[in-house]
Amino acid sequence: MKTLRQLSIVLLILSVGQILQTKFNLFIPGTILGMMILLILLLTKIIKLKWIENITNVLLDHISIFFVPANVGVMVYLSQIKDVWAQILFIAIVSTVVVMGVTGAVVQLIDRLMARSRKEGNA
């Protein structure tokens, strides 16, 4: 029963994100809006992590299942993709490298800022 309650909380928040996206015709997908709402609710302690921790661990343990529809979609459109697969592969590799680089730079910047604030707080 606890897991069902936790799943209900997550699905309710995702539904709110989907409703907002549809109602206001936003360019951000409803699922992303829902996750942003969930993040805000967790950061503001309106929702406590322990309220959804078990279901999120289950979802993370089985995350590969959520990629099956995308992979099937690629196979369905394989005839259309076969002419441009090299360009798609190049774009995927370049974008992955860029995202990794930017993520690393942001993490290092945040780490430096946190170290500086700890140093100033102890001084």
PDB file of N, CA and C in Angstrom:
ATOM      1  N   MET A   1       0.821  -1.194   0.000  1.00  0.00           N
ATOM      2  CA  MET A   1       0.000   0.000   0.000  1.00  0.00           C
ATOM      3  C   MET A   1       0.870   1.266   0.000  1.00  0.00           C
ATOM      4  N   LYS A   2       2.011   1.197   0.713  1.00  0.00           N
ATOM      5  CA  LYS A   2       2.915   2.338   0.789  1.00  0.00           C
ATOM      6  C   LYS A   2       3.461   2.686  -0.592  1.00  0.00           C
ATOM      7  N   THR A   3       3.845   1.671  -1.363  1.00  0.00           N
ATOM      8  CA  THR A   3       4.388   1.902  -2.699  1.00  0.00           C
ATOM      9  C   THR A   3       3.335   2.510  -3.613  1.00  0.00           C
ATOM     10  N   LEU A   4       2.101   2.053  -3.486  1.00  0.00           N
ATOM     11  CA  LEU A   4       1.020   2.602  -4.303  1.00  0.00           C
ATOM     12  C   LEU A   4       0.782   4.068  -3.971  1.00  0.00           C
ATOM     13  N   ARG A   5       0.859   4.422  -2.709  1.00  0.00           N
ATOM     14  CA  ARG A   5       0.700   5.828  -2.300  1.00  0.00           C
ATOM     15  C   ARG A   5       1.830   6.677  -2.875  1.00  0.00           C
ATOM     16  N   GLN A   6       3.055   6.154  -2.821  1.00  0.00           N
ATOM     17  CA  GLN A   6       4.193   6.890  -3.354  1.00  0.00           C
ATOM     18  C   GLN A   6       4.071   7.058  -4.868  1.00  0.00           C
ATOM     19  N   LEU A   7       3.655   6.004  -5.554  1.00  0.00           N
ATOM     20  CA  LEU A   7       3.455   6.095  -7.005  1.00  0.00           C
ATOM     21  C   LEU A   7       2.361   7.104  -7.336  1.00  0.00           C
ATOM     22  N   SER A   8       1.328   7.140  -6.525  1.00  0.00           N
ATOM     23  CA  SER A   8       0.241   8.103  -6.742  1.00  0.00           C
ATOM     24  C   SER A   8       0.735   9.538  -6.630  1.00  0.00           C
ATOM     25  N   ILE A   9       1.602   9.797  -5.666  1.00  0.00           N
ATOM     26  CA  ILE A   9       2.161  11.145  -5.505  1.00  0.00           C
ATOM     27  C   ILE A   9       2.944  11.541  -6.750  1.00  0.00           C
ATOM     28  N   VAL A  10       3.813  10.659  -7.209  1.00  0.00           N
ATOM     29  CA  VAL A  10       4.642  10.954  -8.386  1.00  0.00           C
ATOM     30  C   VAL A  10       3.755  11.135  -9.621  1.00  0.00           C
ATOM     31  N   LEU A  11       2.791  10.251  -9.817  1.00  0.00           N
ATOM     32  CA  LEU A  11       1.917  10.355 -10.992  1.00  0.00           C
ATOM     33  C   LEU A  11       1.034  11.598 -10.942  1.00  0.00           C
ATOM     34  N   LEU A  12       0.594  11.980  -9.757  1.00  0.00           N
ATOM     35  CA  LEU A  12      -0.200  13.204  -9.613  1.00  0.00           C
ATOM     36  C   LEU A  12       0.607  14.420 -10.031  1.00  0.00           C
ATOM     37  N   ILE A  13       1.845  14.483  -9.589  1.00  0.00           N
ATOM     38  CA  ILE A  13       2.700  15.619  -9.943  1.00  0.00           C
ATOM     39  C   ILE A  13       2.995  15.622 -11.443  1.00  0.00           C
ATOM     40  N   LEU A  14       3.247  14.437 -12.017  1.00  0.00           N
ATOM     41  CA  LEU A  14       3.455  14.355 -13.465  1.00  0.00           C
ATOM     42  C   LEU A  14       2.209  14.782 -14.224  1.00  0.00           C
ATOM     43  N   SER A  15       1.032  14.422 -13.703  1.00  0.00           N
ATOM     44  CA  SER A  15      -0.226  14.828 -14.339  1.00  0.00           C
ATOM     45  C   SER A  15      -0.410  16.340 -14.295  1.00  0.00           C
ATOM     46  N   VAL A  16      -0.036  16.952 -13.192  1.00  0.00           N
ATOM     47  CA  VAL A  16      -0.110  18.414 -13.085  1.00  0.00           C
ATOM     48  C   VAL A  16       0.783  19.056 -14.143  1.00  0.00           C
ATOM     49  N   GLY A  17       1.977  18.525 -14.312  1.00  0.00           N
ATOM     50  CA  GLY A  17       2.873  19.041 -15.340  1.00  0.00           C
ATOM     51  C   GLY A  17       2.284  18.889 -16.733  1.00  0.00           C
ATOM     52  N   GLN A  18       1.664  17.745 -16.994  1.00  0.00           N
ATOM     53  CA  GLN A  18       1.042  17.513 -18.303  1.00  0.00           C
ATOM     54  C   GLN A  18      -0.135  18.458 -18.527  1.00  0.00           C
ATOM     55  N   ILE A  19      -0.928  18.673 -17.504  1.00  0.00           N
ATOM     56  CA  ILE A  19      -2.077  19.583 -17.605  1.00  0.00           C
ATOM     57  C   ILE A  19      -1.602  21.010 -17.872  1.00  0.00           C
ATOM     58  N   LEU A  20      -0.562  21.446 -17.151  1.00  0.00           N
ATOM     59  CA  LEU A  20      -0.020  22.793 -17.365  1.00  0.00           C
ATOM     60  C   LEU A  20       0.502  22.957 -18.794  1.00  0.00           C
ATOM     61  N   GLN A  21       1.191  21.939 -19.283  1.00  0.00           N
ATOM     62  CA  GLN A  21       1.732  21.997 -20.642  1.00  0.00           C
ATOM     63  C   GLN A  21       0.609  22.100 -21.666  1.00  0.00           C
ATOM     64  N   THR A  22      -0.441  21.314 -21.488  1.00  0.00           N
ATOM     65  CA  THR A  22      -1.567  21.318 -22.424  1.00  0.00           C
ATOM     66  C   THR A  22      -2.363  22.617 -22.321  1.00  0.00           C
ATOM     67  N   LYS A  23      -2.657  23.035 -21.104  1.00  0.00           N
ATOM     68  CA  LYS A  23      -3.488  24.227 -20.878  1.00  0.00           C
ATOM     69  C   LYS A  23      -2.832  25.500 -21.420  1.00  0.00           C
ATOM     70  N   PHE A  24      -1.529  25.648 -21.186  1.00  0.00           N
ATOM     71  CA  PHE A  24      -0.832  26.868 -21.590  1.00  0.00           C
ATOM     72  C   PHE A  24      -0.019  26.704 -22.868  1.00  0.00           C
ATOM     73  N   ASN A  25      -0.132  25.539 -23.503  1.00  0.00           N
ATOM     74  CA  ASN A  25       0.550  25.256 -24.769  1.00  0.00           C
ATOM     75  C   ASN A  25       2.044  25.601 -24.678  1.00  0.00           C
ATOM     76  N   LEU A  26       2.680  25.080 -23.634  1.00  0.00           N
ATOM     77  CA  LEU A  26       4.088  25.351 -23.388  1.00  0.00           C
ATOM     78  C   LEU A  26       4.974  24.486 -24.272  1.00  0.00           C
ATOM     79  N   PHE A  27       6.181  24.951 -24.559  1.00  0.00           N
ATOM     80  CA  PHE A  27       7.108  24.199 -25.392  1.00  0.00           C
ATOM     81  C   PHE A  27       7.836  23.116 -24.607  1.00  0.00           C
ATOM     82  N   ILE A  28       7.787  23.169 -23.286  1.00  0.00           N
ATOM     83  CA  ILE A  28       8.434  22.160 -22.439  1.00  0.00           C
ATOM     84  C   ILE A  28       7.476  20.989 -22.272  1.00  0.00           C
ATOM     85  N   PRO A  29       7.943  19.752 -22.460  1.00  0.00           N
ATOM     86  CA  PRO A  29       7.061  18.591 -22.280  1.00  0.00           C
ATOM     87  C   PRO A  29       6.490  18.528 -20.869  1.00  0.00           C
ATOM     88  N   GLY A  30       5.280  18.024 -20.760  1.00  0.00           N
ATOM     89  CA  GLY A  30       4.602  17.935 -19.477  1.00  0.00           C
ATOM     90  C   GLY A  30       5.340  17.086 -18.467  1.00  0.00           C
ATOM     91  N   THR A  31       6.000  16.034 -18.930  1.00  0.00           N
ATOM     92  CA  THR A  31       6.752  15.189 -18.004  1.00  0.00           C
ATOM     93  C   THR A  31       7.928  15.945 -17.398  1.00  0.00           C
ATOM     94  N   ILE A  32       8.564  16.793 -18.201  1.00  0.00           N
ATOM     95  CA  ILE A  32       9.674  17.606 -17.686  1.00  0.00           C
ATOM     96  C   ILE A  32       9.142  18.637 -16.695  1.00  0.00           C
ATOM     97  N   LEU A  33       8.021  19.256 -17.021  1.00  0.00           N
ATOM     98  CA  LEU A  33       7.402  20.202 -16.081  1.00  0.00           C
ATOM     99  C   LEU A  33       7.076  19.509 -14.765  1.00  0.00           C
ATOM    100  N   GLY A  34       6.539  18.294 -14.865  1.00  0.00           N
ATOM    101  CA  GLY A  34       6.211  17.540 -13.662  1.00  0.00           C
ATOM    102  C   GLY A  34       7.435  17.262 -12.815  1.00  0.00           C
ATOM    103  N   MET A  35       8.535  16.898 -13.462  1.00  0.00           N
ATOM    104  CA  MET A  35       9.759  16.636 -12.712  1.00  0.00           C
ATOM    105  C   MET A  35      10.315  17.922 -12.093  1.00  0.00           C
ATOM    106  N   MET A  36      10.152  19.047 -12.794  1.00  0.00           N
ATOM    107  CA  MET A  36      10.589  20.328 -12.233  1.00  0.00           C
ATOM    108  C   MET A  36       9.724  20.692 -11.020  1.00  0.00           C
ATOM    109  N   ILE A  37       8.432  20.441 -11.119  1.00  0.00           N
ATOM    110  CA  ILE A  37       7.531  20.695  -9.985  1.00  0.00           C
ATOM    111  C   ILE A  37       7.929  19.806  -8.811  1.00  0.00           C
ATOM    112  N   LEU A  38       8.203  18.532  -9.098  1.00  0.00           N
ATOM    113  CA  LEU A  38       8.618  17.610  -8.040  1.00  0.00           C
ATOM    114  C   LEU A  38       9.913  18.082  -7.385  1.00  0.00           C
ATOM    115  N   LEU A  39      10.866  18.533  -8.188  1.00  0.00           N
ATOM    116  CA  LEU A  39      12.122  19.045  -7.641  1.00  0.00           C
ATOM    117  C   LEU A  39      11.878  20.239  -6.729  1.00  0.00           C
ATOM    118  N   ILE A  40      11.042  21.167  -7.180  1.00  0.00           N
ATOM    119  CA  ILE A  40      10.733  22.346  -6.363  1.00  0.00           C
ATOM    120  C   ILE A  40      10.060  21.938  -5.059  1.00  0.00           C
ATOM    121  N   LEU A  41       9.123  20.988  -5.141  1.00  0.00           N
ATOM    122  CA  LEU A  41       8.429  20.533  -3.937  1.00  0.00           C
ATOM    123  C   LEU A  41       9.391  19.834  -2.971  1.00  0.00           C
ATOM    124  N   LEU A  42      10.361  19.097  -3.517  1.00  0.00           N
ATOM    125  CA  LEU A  42      11.353  18.449  -2.658  1.00  0.00           C
ATOM    126  C   LEU A  42      12.305  19.475  -2.043  1.00  0.00           C
ATOM    127  N   LEU A  43      12.749  20.449  -2.826  1.00  0.00           N
ATOM    128  CA  LEU A  43      13.677  21.458  -2.313  1.00  0.00           C
ATOM    129  C   LEU A  43      13.034  22.335  -1.245  1.00  0.00           C
ATOM    130  N   THR A  44      11.746  22.607  -1.397  1.00  0.00           N
ATOM    131  CA  THR A  44      11.045  23.443  -0.426  1.00  0.00           C
ATOM    132  C   THR A  44      10.498  22.633   0.748  1.00  0.00           C
ATOM    133  N   LYS A  45      10.770  21.326   0.730  1.00  0.00           N
ATOM    134  CA  LYS A  45      10.352  20.412   1.799  1.00  0.00           C
ATOM    135  C   LYS A  45       8.831  20.296   1.920  1.00  0.00           C
ATOM    136  N   ILE A  46       8.095  20.682   0.872  1.00  0.00           N
ATOM    137  CA  ILE A  46       6.652  20.466   0.872  1.00  0.00           C
ATOM    138  C   ILE A  46       6.389  18.963   0.771  1.00  0.00           C
ATOM    139  N   ILE A  47       7.193  18.291  -0.053  1.00  0.00           N
ATOM    140  CA  ILE A  47       7.173  16.833  -0.122  1.00  0.00           C
ATOM    141  C   ILE A  47       8.498  16.354   0.443  1.00  0.00           C
ATOM    142  N   LYS A  48       8.426  15.417   1.355  1.00  0.00           N
ATOM    143  CA  LYS A  48       9.635  14.870   1.950  1.00  0.00           C
ATOM    144  C   LYS A  48      10.109  13.686   1.103  1.00  0.00           C
ATOM    145  N   LEU A  49      11.425  13.550   0.983  1.00  0.00           N
ATOM    146  CA  LEU A  49      11.999  12.490   0.168  1.00  0.00           C
ATOM    147  C   LEU A  49      11.496  11.119   0.598  1.00  0.00           C
ATOM    148  N   LYS A  50      11.343  10.908   1.893  1.00  0.00           N
ATOM    149  CA  LYS A  50      10.920   9.589   2.376  1.00  0.00           C
ATOM    150  C   LYS A  50       9.506   9.234   1.887  1.00  0.00           C
ATOM    151  N   TRP A  51       8.721  10.248   1.484  1.00  0.00           N
ATOM    152  CA  TRP A  51       7.379   9.978   0.980  1.00  0.00           C
ATOM    153  C   TRP A  51       7.394   9.292  -0.384  1.00  0.00           C
ATOM    154  N   ILE A  52       8.475   9.486  -1.151  1.00  0.00           N
ATOM    155  CA  ILE A  52       8.525   8.919  -2.505  1.00  0.00           C
ATOM    156  C   ILE A  52       9.793   8.107  -2.759  1.00  0.00           C
ATOM    157  N   GLU A  53      10.601   7.903  -1.736  1.00  0.00           N
ATOM    158  CA  GLU A  53      11.913   7.287  -1.919  1.00  0.00           C
ATOM    159  C   GLU A  53      11.832   5.860  -2.460  1.00  0.00           C
ATOM    160  N   ASN A  54      10.947   5.040  -1.935  1.00  0.00           N
ATOM    161  CA  ASN A  54      10.875   3.645  -2.376  1.00  0.00           C
ATOM    162  C   ASN A  54      10.492   3.525  -3.847  1.00  0.00           C
ATOM    163  N   ILE A  55       9.482   4.272  -4.271  1.00  0.00           N
ATOM    164  CA  ILE A  55       9.031   4.152  -5.661  1.00  0.00           C
ATOM    165  C   ILE A  55      10.067   4.722  -6.621  1.00  0.00           C
ATOM    166  N   THR A  56      10.752   5.775  -6.217  1.00  0.00           N
ATOM    167  CA  THR A  56      11.772   6.325  -7.107  1.00  0.00           C
ATOM    168  C   THR A  56      12.942   5.354  -7.254  1.00  0.00           C
ATOM    169  N   ASN A  57      13.278   4.639  -6.198  1.00  0.00           N
ATOM    170  CA  ASN A  57      14.328   3.622  -6.303  1.00  0.00           C
ATOM    171  C   ASN A  57      13.900   2.494  -7.237  1.00  0.00           C
ATOM    172  N   VAL A  58      12.648   2.082  -7.156  1.00  0.00           N
ATOM    173  CA  VAL A  58      12.133   1.044  -8.056  1.00  0.00           C
ATOM    174  C   VAL A  58      12.192   1.532  -9.499  1.00  0.00           C
ATOM    175  N   LEU A  59      11.759   2.763  -9.738  1.00  0.00           N
ATOM    176  CA  LEU A  59      11.781   3.308 -11.098  1.00  0.00           C
ATOM    177  C   LEU A  59      13.208   3.417 -11.622  1.00  0.00           C
ATOM    178  N   LEU A  60      14.135   3.849 -10.792  1.00  0.00           N
ATOM    179  CA  LEU A  60      15.534   3.949 -11.224  1.00  0.00           C
ATOM    180  C   LEU A  60      16.144   2.572 -11.486  1.00  0.00           C
ATOM    181  N   ASP A  61      15.756   1.582 -10.697  1.00  0.00           N
ATOM    182  CA  ASP A  61      16.267   0.230 -10.912  1.00  0.00           C
ATOM    183  C   ASP A  61      15.813  -0.350 -12.249  1.00  0.00           C
ATOM    184  N   HIS A  62      14.676   0.116 -12.741  1.00  0.00           N
ATOM    185  CA  HIS A  62      14.108  -0.414 -13.981  1.00  0.00           C
ATOM    186  C   HIS A  62      14.057   0.638 -15.095  1.00  0.00           C
ATOM    187  N   ILE A  63      14.949   1.596 -15.051  1.00  0.00           N
ATOM    188  CA  ILE A  63      14.917   2.709 -16.000  1.00  0.00           C
ATOM    189  C   ILE A  63      15.109   2.268 -17.449  1.00  0.00           C
ATOM    190  N   SER A  64      15.831   1.178 -17.649  1.00  0.00           N
ATOM    191  CA  SER A  64      16.074   0.730 -19.031  1.00  0.00           C
ATOM    192  C   SER A  64      14.780   0.366 -19.752  1.00  0.00           C
ATOM    193  N   ILE A  65      13.772  -0.045 -19.017  1.00  0.00           N
ATOM    194  CA  ILE A  65      12.481  -0.378 -19.631  1.00  0.00           C
ATOM    195  C   ILE A  65      11.869   0.843 -20.307  1.00  0.00           C
ATOM    196  N   PHE A  66      12.122   2.018 -19.766  1.00  0.00           N
ATOM    197  CA  PHE A  66      11.523   3.233 -20.302  1.00  0.00           C
ATOM    198  C   PHE A  66      12.140   3.652 -21.633  1.00  0.00           C
ATOM    199  N   PHE A  67      13.274   3.061 -21.996  1.00  0.00           N
ATOM    200  CA  PHE A  67      13.901   3.370 -23.278  1.00  0.00           C
ATOM    201  C   PHE A  67      13.428   2.452 -24.395  1.00  0.00           C
ATOM    202  N   VAL A  68      12.664   1.416 -24.079  1.00  0.00           N
ATOM    203  CA  VAL A  68      12.189   0.480 -25.098  1.00  0.00           C
ATOM    204  C   VAL A  68      11.343   1.181 -26.158  1.00  0.00           C
ATOM    205  N   PRO A  69      10.370   2.033 -25.805  1.00  0.00           N
ATOM    206  CA  PRO A  69       9.574   2.682 -26.856  1.00  0.00           C
ATOM    207  C   PRO A  69      10.411   3.506 -27.825  1.00  0.00           C
ATOM    208  N   ALA A  70      11.413   4.211 -27.320  1.00  0.00           N
ATOM    209  CA  ALA A  70      12.267   5.007 -28.212  1.00  0.00           C
ATOM    210  C   ALA A  70      13.036   4.101 -29.161  1.00  0.00           C
ATOM    211  N   ASN A  71      13.540   2.998 -28.666  1.00  0.00           N
ATOM    212  CA  ASN A  71      14.276   2.067 -29.518  1.00  0.00           C
ATOM    213  C   ASN A  71      13.378   1.424 -30.561  1.00  0.00           C
ATOM    214  N   VAL A  72      12.165   1.096 -30.186  1.00  0.00           N
ATOM    215  CA  VAL A  72      11.209   0.536 -31.144  1.00  0.00           C
ATOM    216  C   VAL A  72      10.881   1.582 -32.207  1.00  0.00           C
ATOM    217  N   GLY A  73      10.744   2.829 -31.794  1.00  0.00           N
ATOM    218  CA  GLY A  73      10.481   3.900 -32.755  1.00  0.00           C
ATOM    219  C   GLY A  73      11.598   4.035 -33.771  1.00  0.00           C
ATOM    220  N   VAL A  74      12.832   3.881 -33.323  1.00  0.00           N
ATOM    221  CA  VAL A  74      13.958   3.943 -34.248  1.00  0.00           C
ATOM    222  C   VAL A  74      13.875   2.799 -35.249  1.00  0.00           C
ATOM    223  N   MET A  75      13.518   1.607 -34.781  1.00  0.00           N
ATOM    224  CA  MET A  75      13.412   0.462 -35.689  1.00  0.00           C
ATOM    225  C   MET A  75      12.269   0.633 -36.685  1.00  0.00           C
ATOM    226  N   VAL A  76      11.181   1.251 -36.258  1.00  0.00           N
ATOM    227  CA  VAL A  76      10.041   1.466 -37.147  1.00  0.00           C
ATOM    228  C   VAL A  76      10.427   2.410 -38.286  1.00  0.00           C
ATOM    229  N   TYR A  77      11.211   3.421 -37.985  1.00  0.00           N
ATOM    230  CA  TYR A  77      11.598   4.416 -38.990  1.00  0.00           C
ATOM    231  C   TYR A  77      12.983   4.167 -39.564  1.00  0.00           C
ATOM    232  N   LEU A  78      13.484   2.957 -39.441  1.00  0.00           N
ATOM    233  CA  LEU A  78      14.818   2.632 -39.907  1.00  0.00           C
ATOM    234  C   LEU A  78      14.998   2.913 -41.397  1.00  0.00           C
ATOM    235  N   SER A  79      13.962   2.678 -42.186  1.00  0.00           N
ATOM    236  CA  SER A  79      14.081   2.927 -43.627  1.00  0.00           C
ATOM    237  C   SER A  79      14.305   4.407 -43.921  1.00  0.00           C
ATOM    238  N   GLN A  80      13.753   5.279 -43.104  1.00  0.00           N
ATOM    239  CA  GLN A  80      13.936   6.713 -43.298  1.00  0.00           C
ATOM    240  C   GLN A  80      15.267   7.189 -42.721  1.00  0.00           C
ATOM    241  N   ILE A  81      15.761   6.494 -41.718  1.00  0.00           N
ATOM    242  CA  ILE A  81      16.992   6.889 -41.044  1.00  0.00           C
ATOM    243  C   ILE A  81      18.229   6.383 -41.769  1.00  0.00           C
ATOM    244  N   LYS A  82      18.096   5.302 -42.527  1.00  0.00           N
ATOM    245  CA  LYS A  82      19.287   4.651 -43.088  1.00  0.00           C
ATOM    246  C   LYS A  82      20.118   5.565 -43.978  1.00  0.00           C
ATOM    247  N   ASP A  83      19.514   6.573 -44.588  1.00  0.00           N
ATOM    248  CA  ASP A  83      20.263   7.483 -45.455  1.00  0.00           C
ATOM    249  C   ASP A  83      21.040   8.550 -44.682  1.00  0.00           C
ATOM    250  N   VAL A  84      20.645   8.807 -43.457  1.00  0.00           N
ATOM    251  CA  VAL A  84      21.271   9.887 -42.685  1.00  0.00           C
ATOM    252  C   VAL A  84      21.861   9.385 -41.367  1.00  0.00           C
ATOM    253  N   TRP A  85      22.098   8.084 -41.239  1.00  0.00           N
ATOM    254  CA  TRP A  85      22.555   7.538 -39.969  1.00  0.00           C
ATOM    255  C   TRP A  85      23.913   8.098 -39.559  1.00  0.00           C
ATOM    256  N   ALA A  86      24.781   8.368 -40.507  1.00  0.00           N
ATOM    257  CA  ALA A  86      26.111   8.885 -40.171  1.00  0.00           C
ATOM    258  C   ALA A  86      26.005  10.283 -39.555  1.00  0.00           C
ATOM    259  N   GLN A  87      25.146  11.118 -40.129  1.00  0.00           N
ATOM    260  CA  GLN A  87      24.958  12.461 -39.572  1.00  0.00           C
ATOM    261  C   GLN A  87      24.346  12.391 -38.172  1.00  0.00           C
ATOM    262  N   ILE A  88      23.377  11.497 -37.993  1.00  0.00           N
ATOM    263  CA  ILE A  88      22.740  11.344 -36.680  1.00  0.00           C
ATOM    264  C   ILE A  88      23.765  10.874 -35.652  1.00  0.00           C
ATOM    265  N   LEU A  89      24.588   9.915 -36.051  1.00  0.00           N
ATOM    266  CA  LEU A  89      25.621   9.416 -35.148  1.00  0.00           C
ATOM    267  C   LEU A  89      26.612  10.520 -34.789  1.00  0.00           C
ATOM    268  N   PHE A  90      27.025  11.303 -35.778  1.00  0.00           N
ATOM    269  CA  PHE A  90      27.944  12.414 -35.528  1.00  0.00           C
ATOM    270  C   PHE A  90      27.333  13.420 -34.554  1.00  0.00           C
ATOM    271  N   ILE A  91      26.087  13.793 -34.783  1.00  0.00           N
ATOM    272  CA  ILE A  91      25.406  14.751 -33.908  1.00  0.00           C
ATOM    273  C   ILE A  91      25.276  14.180 -32.501  1.00  0.00           C
ATOM    274  N   ALA A  92      24.972  12.901 -32.386  1.00  0.00           N
ATOM    275  CA  ALA A  92      24.834  12.275 -31.065  1.00  0.00           C
ATOM    276  C   ALA A  92      26.163  12.300 -30.316  1.00  0.00           C
ATOM    277  N   ILE A  93      27.246  11.997 -31.010  1.00  0.00           N
ATOM    278  CA  ILE A  93      28.560  11.984 -30.365  1.00  0.00           C
ATOM    279  C   ILE A  93      28.971  13.394 -29.952  1.00  0.00           C
ATOM    280  N   VAL A  94      28.836  14.351 -30.859  1.00  0.00           N
ATOM    281  CA  VAL A  94      29.220  15.733 -30.555  1.00  0.00           C
ATOM    282  C   VAL A  94      28.378  16.293 -29.406  1.00  0.00           C
ATOM    283  N   SER A  95      27.070  16.082 -29.452  1.00  0.00           N
ATOM    284  CA  SER A  95      26.216  16.618 -28.386  1.00  0.00           C
ATOM    285  C   SER A  95      26.521  15.954 -27.055  1.00  0.00           C
ATOM    286  N   THR A  96      26.855  14.670 -27.063  1.00  0.00           N
ATOM    287  CA  THR A  96      27.220  13.985 -25.824  1.00  0.00           C
ATOM    288  C   THR A  96      28.489  14.581 -25.232  1.00  0.00           C
ATOM    289  N   VAL A  97      29.483  14.812 -26.086  1.00  0.00           N
ATOM    290  CA  VAL A  97      30.740  15.406 -25.613  1.00  0.00           C
ATOM    291  C   VAL A  97      30.497  16.812 -25.065  1.00  0.00           C
ATOM    292  N   VAL A  98      29.690  17.597 -25.750  1.00  0.00           N
ATOM    293  CA  VAL A  98      29.390  18.961 -25.293  1.00  0.00           C
ATOM    294  C   VAL A  98      28.671  18.928 -23.950  1.00  0.00           C
ATOM    295  N   VAL A  99      27.670  18.063 -23.822  1.00  0.00           N
ATOM    296  CA  VAL A  99      26.921  17.969 -22.561  1.00  0.00           C
ATOM    297  C   VAL A  99      27.838  17.524 -21.425  1.00  0.00           C
ATOM    298  N   MET A 100      28.712  16.551 -21.694  1.00  0.00           N
ATOM    299  CA  MET A 100      29.642  16.101 -20.660  1.00  0.00           C
ATOM    300  C   MET A 100      30.598  17.226 -20.256  1.00  0.00           C
ATOM    301  N   GLY A 101      31.087  17.972 -21.226  1.00  0.00           N
ATOM    302  CA  GLY A 101      31.997  19.070 -20.937  1.00  0.00           C
ATOM    303  C   GLY A 101      31.328  20.171 -20.131  1.00  0.00           C
ATOM    304  N   VAL A 102      30.135  20.561 -20.546  1.00  0.00           N
ATOM    305  CA  VAL A 102      29.414  21.622 -19.831  1.00  0.00           C
ATOM    306  C   VAL A 102      29.050  21.158 -18.423  1.00  0.00           C
ATOM    307  N   THR A 103      28.614  19.921 -18.303  1.00  0.00           N
ATOM    308  CA  THR A 103      28.271  19.393 -16.981  1.00  0.00           C
ATOM    309  C   THR A 103      29.496  19.384 -16.073  1.00  0.00           C
ATOM    310  N   GLY A 104      30.621  18.935 -16.593  1.00  0.00           N
ATOM    311  CA  GLY A 104      31.849  18.933 -15.804  1.00  0.00           C
ATOM    312  C   GLY A 104      32.255  20.325 -15.378  1.00  0.00           C
ATOM    313  N   ALA A 105      32.156  21.293 -16.291  1.00  0.00           N
ATOM    314  CA  ALA A 105      32.522  22.678 -15.971  1.00  0.00           C
ATOM    315  C   ALA A 105      31.593  23.250 -14.901  1.00  0.00           C
ATOM    316  N   VAL A 106      30.304  22.977 -15.004  1.00  0.00           N
ATOM    317  CA  VAL A 106      29.345  23.478 -14.018  1.00  0.00           C
ATOM    318  C   VAL A 106      29.604  22.845 -12.655  1.00  0.00           C
ATOM    319  N   VAL A 107      29.872  21.546 -12.626  1.00  0.00           N
ATOM    320  CA  VAL A 107      30.156  20.873 -11.356  1.00  0.00           C
ATOM    321  C   VAL A 107      31.415  21.456 -10.715  1.00  0.00           C
ATOM    322  N   GLN A 108      32.458  21.694 -11.508  1.00  0.00           N
ATOM    323  CA  GLN A 108      33.681  22.286 -10.964  1.00  0.00           C
ATOM    324  C   GLN A 108      33.428  23.700 -10.446  1.00  0.00           C
ATOM    325  N   LEU A 109      32.635  24.477 -11.173  1.00  0.00           N
ATOM    326  CA  LEU A 109      32.312  25.832 -10.727  1.00  0.00           C
ATOM    327  C   LEU A 109      31.543  25.802  -9.410  1.00  0.00           C
ATOM    328  N   ILE A 110      30.555  24.949  -9.320  1.00  0.00           N
ATOM    329  CA  ILE A 110      29.768  24.846  -8.091  1.00  0.00           C
ATOM    330  C   ILE A 110      30.643  24.361  -6.940  1.00  0.00           C
ATOM    331  N   ASP A 111      31.538  23.411  -7.228  1.00  0.00           N
ATOM    332  CA  ASP A 111      32.439  22.915  -6.193  1.00  0.00           C
ATOM    333  C   ASP A 111      33.333  24.037  -5.671  1.00  0.00           C
ATOM    334  N   ARG A 112      33.870  24.850  -6.591  1.00  0.00           N
ATOM    335  CA  ARG A 112      34.717  25.982  -6.166  1.00  0.00           C
ATOM    336  C   ARG A 112      33.925  26.989  -5.344  1.00  0.00           C
ATOM    337  N   LEU A 113      32.707  27.285  -5.787  1.00  0.00           N
ATOM    338  CA  LEU A 113      31.876  28.246  -5.056  1.00  0.00           C
ATOM    339  C   LEU A 113      31.521  27.724  -3.664  1.00  0.00           C
ATOM    340  N   MET A 114      31.221  26.441  -3.572  1.00  0.00           N
ATOM    341  CA  MET A 114      30.889  25.865  -2.267  1.00  0.00           C
ATOM    342  C   MET A 114      32.113  25.844  -1.361  1.00  0.00           C
ATOM    343  N   ALA A 115      33.294  25.528  -1.922  1.00  0.00           N
ATOM    344  CA  ALA A 115      34.522  25.529  -1.127  1.00  0.00           C
ATOM    345  C   ALA A 115      34.820  26.935  -0.628  1.00  0.00           C
ATOM    346  N   ARG A 116      34.627  27.923  -1.486  1.00  0.00           N
ATOM    347  CA  ARG A 116      34.863  29.316  -1.107  1.00  0.00           C
ATOM    348  C   ARG A 116      33.897  29.737  -0.001  1.00  0.00           C
ATOM    349  N   SER A 117      32.626  29.361  -0.113  1.00  0.00           N
ATOM    350  CA  SER A 117      31.656  29.755   0.918  1.00  0.00           C
ATOM    351  C   SER A 117      31.928  29.040   2.237  1.00  0.00           C
ATOM    352  N   ARG A 118      32.425  27.783   2.164  1.00  0.00           N
ATOM    353  CA  ARG A 118      32.793  27.076   3.402  1.00  0.00           C
ATOM    354  C   ARG A 118      33.992  27.751   4.054  1.00  0.00           C
ATOM    355  N   LYS A 119      34.958  28.167   3.219  1.00  0.00           N
ATOM    356  CA  LYS A 119      36.156  28.822   3.736  1.00  0.00           C
ATOM    357  C   LYS A 119      35.792  30.157   4.387  1.00  0.00           C
ATOM    358  N   GLU A 120      34.908  30.915   3.748  1.00  0.00           N
ATOM    359  CA  GLU A 120      34.496  32.203   4.294  1.00  0.00           C
ATOM    360  C   GLU A 120      33.665  32.008   5.554  1.00  0.00           C
ATOM    361  N   GLY A 121      32.894  30.926   5.594  1.00  0.00           N
ATOM    362  CA  GLY A 121      32.081  30.642   6.773  1.00  0.00           C
ATOM    363  C   GLY A 121      32.906  30.227   7.967  1.00  0.00           C
ATOM    364  N   ASN A 122      34.035  29.565   7.736  1.00  0.00           N
ATOM    365  CA  ASN A 122      34.911  29.118   8.827  1.00  0.00           C
ATOM    366  C   ASN A 122      35.875  30.217   9.268  1.00  0.00           C
ATOM    367  N   ALA A 123      36.081  31.214   8.412  1.00  0.00           N
ATOM    368  CA  ALA A 123      37.077  32.253   8.725  1.00  0.00           C
ATOM    369  C   ALA A 123      36.569  33.248   9.726  1.00  0.00           C
TER     370      ALA A 123
END
